[in-house]
Amino acid sequence: MKTSLIAVAFAVVLTPVAAFADDENAKCTDAAKDTWLSIDAVKAKAEAAGYTKIKKVKVEGTCYEVYAFDKNGKKAEVLFNPSTGEKAGDETGQN
């Protein structure tokens, strides 16, 4: 019984770690990097999607990760498909 409780406790604690690891290994495209949109083009797509005050854009897995503020003024970390510029997800896993 005690072993079962310890196993459940570890599973609960490690679940958020696994979700965080998914951001780092995010899969947005299979396209070669030399065909990706430029960082400036992705910034423009993010602004068109309503994100402001873009602080940084970096490659995260096969995605661009944009650090900005959403339409409500809250900090946002948003993944964009580098081939299409479409939003692929965000720090909460929402598309």
Protein backbone atom coordinates (compact mmCIF):
# COMPACT_ATOMS: atom_id res chain seq x y z
CA MET A 1 0.00 0.00 0.00
CA LYS A 2 2.77 2.41 0.95
CA THR A 3 4.59 1.65 -2.32
CA SER A 4 1.42 2.45 -4.30
CA LEU A 5 1.04 5.80 -2.59
CA ILE A 6 4.66 6.70 -3.32
CA ALA A 7 4.20 5.75 -6.99
CA VAL A 8 1.06 7.90 -7.25
CA ALA A 9 2.84 10.82 -5.56
CA PHE A 10 5.71 10.64 -8.05
CA ALA A 11 3.28 10.50 -10.97
CA VAL A 12 1.46 13.61 -9.74
CA VAL A 13 4.70 15.51 -9.19
CA LEU A 14 6.25 14.54 -12.54
CA THR A 15 3.21 15.25 -14.72
CA PRO A 16 3.91 19.03 -14.96
CA VAL A 17 7.56 18.27 -15.78
CA ALA A 18 6.46 16.09 -18.69
CA ALA A 19 4.19 18.87 -19.98
CA PHE A 20 7.06 21.36 -19.81
CA ALA A 21 9.33 18.96 -21.71
CA ASP A 22 6.76 18.84 -24.51
CA ASP A 23 7.31 22.56 -25.21
CA GLU A 24 11.01 21.93 -25.72
CA ASN A 25 10.29 19.04 -28.11
CA ALA A 26 7.31 20.66 -29.78
CA LYS A 27 6.57 19.46 -33.28
CA CYS A 28 5.13 22.18 -35.51
CA THR A 29 6.49 21.25 -38.94
CA ASP A 30 8.47 18.71 -40.89
CA ALA A 31 9.75 21.36 -43.31
CA ALA A 32 13.48 22.01 -43.67
CA LYS A 33 14.73 25.04 -41.71
CA ASP A 34 15.87 26.79 -44.88
CA THR A 35 12.20 27.01 -45.92
CA TRP A 36 10.96 28.53 -42.65
CA LEU A 37 9.54 32.04 -42.44
CA SER A 38 11.90 34.69 -41.12
CA ILE A 39 11.69 35.80 -37.50
CA ASP A 40 10.35 39.17 -38.70
CA ALA A 41 7.59 37.40 -40.65
CA VAL A 42 6.62 35.38 -37.56
CA LYS A 43 6.60 38.56 -35.45
CA ALA A 44 4.19 40.08 -37.98
CA LYS A 45 1.96 36.97 -37.81
CA ALA A 46 1.99 37.15 -33.99
CA GLU A 47 1.03 40.85 -34.08
CA ALA A 48 -1.76 40.07 -36.57
CA ALA A 49 -3.00 37.42 -34.10
CA GLY A 50 -3.27 40.10 -31.41
CA TYR A 51 0.03 39.73 -29.55
CA THR A 52 1.90 42.91 -28.59
CA LYS A 53 5.19 44.02 -27.09
CA ILE A 54 7.04 41.03 -28.56
CA LYS A 55 10.15 40.57 -26.44
CA LYS A 56 11.80 37.58 -28.10
CA VAL A 57 11.33 34.93 -30.78
CA LYS A 58 13.37 31.74 -30.59
CA VAL A 59 13.45 28.28 -32.13
CA GLU A 60 11.89 25.69 -29.82
CA GLY A 61 11.96 22.20 -31.32
CA THR A 62 10.46 22.61 -34.78
CA CYS A 63 8.51 25.72 -33.75
CA TYR A 64 9.09 29.39 -33.20
CA GLU A 65 8.33 30.40 -29.61
CA VAL A 66 7.19 34.00 -29.25
CA TYR A 67 7.40 35.84 -25.92
CA ALA A 68 4.87 38.66 -25.91
CA PHE A 69 1.69 39.96 -24.28
CA ASP A 70 -1.81 38.82 -25.21
CA LYS A 71 -4.81 41.05 -25.91
CA ASN A 72 -5.55 41.15 -22.15
CA GLY A 73 -2.05 42.41 -21.34
CA LYS A 74 -0.93 39.09 -19.83
CA LYS A 75 2.49 37.60 -20.57
CA ALA A 76 2.29 34.87 -23.19
CA GLU A 77 4.63 32.24 -24.57
CA VAL A 78 3.15 31.15 -27.88
CA LEU A 79 4.30 28.52 -30.37
CA PHE A 80 4.01 29.25 -34.09
CA ASN A 81 4.44 26.95 -37.05
CA PRO A 82 7.55 28.31 -38.80
CA SER A 83 6.33 27.18 -42.23
CA THR A 84 2.88 28.76 -42.13
CA GLY A 85 3.07 31.30 -39.30
CA GLU A 86 -0.06 29.80 -37.73
CA LYS A 87 -0.38 29.57 -33.96
CA ALA A 88 0.44 26.01 -32.86
CA GLY A 89 -0.07 26.31 -29.09
CA ASP A 90 0.84 28.26 -25.99
CA GLU A 91 2.21 27.73 -22.50
CA THR A 92 -1.16 26.39 -21.37
CA GLY A 93 -1.38 23.96 -24.28
CA GLN A 94 -4.23 25.84 -25.92
CA ASN A 95 -4.37 26.42 -29.67
